[in-house]
Amino acid sequence: MNYQIQKSINTMSPRGPIVSTHLQKTTQKYFFPYEFIEANWRLWTFIILIAAGSVALVLYPVGTTKALIDPFYSPTVLIVPIPGLFRLTCYAYRKDYHRHLFHHPLGCDNPERDEHHSQRYTGERNAIFQFENLHRYFLYAGISLLPFFYYDFYYSLIHYSTGVTLTLGSIVILSNALALTGWTLSCHAFRHLIGGNIDCYSCVPGGKGRKKIYDVQTWWNSHHEALAWISLLTIIFADLYIRAVAAGIPIDPVLLHI
């Protein structure tokens, strides 16, 4: 069921009319949201950039360089749509692209979108936007991929024939793995998984300990949006850094060799 927001003037006050807002149920359903077909330069510029970046990754691959594995070409590339969908359906990103790309959702009619009785606010109740509710399942896949990024760091340390070698590139790979871990485990769906689904902690085994873990993750979750963007930047930076090393730019000094 969709809702149309209507306003009515109930009474007058010294400052002017008092406007009340109420929701009127409508029976019209939208299978394909009109947000995807209207003129919106922000949305289509974003789509073009994503498409161009994807094509560039395919046309200009970079292999393992000086024991550095590009995060876009590690074993996770075999199932790259899964982390992509996990990121796309992330609550932090959903808030940003619904507000800044679609100009939705808002608490009232948005004149910039020319919303009226024939073009109502669809919310997230149509078939396509309901797909975003699969985010919790993409979380499980996202968690299972995290060890691969730490393996990339381990490989950069022991690839050389003798001893352990730590380079600046190893630090870049580790930083990316940590940023992805921080973003994944601060997820709202993960918060629900570890304790948000419990109504009474004193009524379940280990409730006191679970409540402490939940409180820590609650603090962590408050930084989820920042971690979402930081992890996106770190994975892009790691890709560009390794491409620069592959191009022969001397930016990967050895920091420690044991």
Foldseek 3Di string as FASTA:
>chain_A
DDWFKDKDFDDADPVGTDIDIDIDDDDDADQDACLVVDDFVVVVVVVVVVVVVVVCCVVPPDCQFLLAGQPCPFVCVVVVVLVVLLLCLFPLNCVVCQCPRSVDDDPHDDVVVVADPVRGDNHQPHPPSVVSVCNLVSLVVLVVCLVRLVVSLVSSQPVDPDFGWDKVLSVLSVVLSVLSVLLSCLGPSNLCVQPVVDPDLVVDPPSVVSVVVSVVSPVSVVCNNVSSVVSVVSSVVSNVVVVCVVVPDPPIDTDDGD
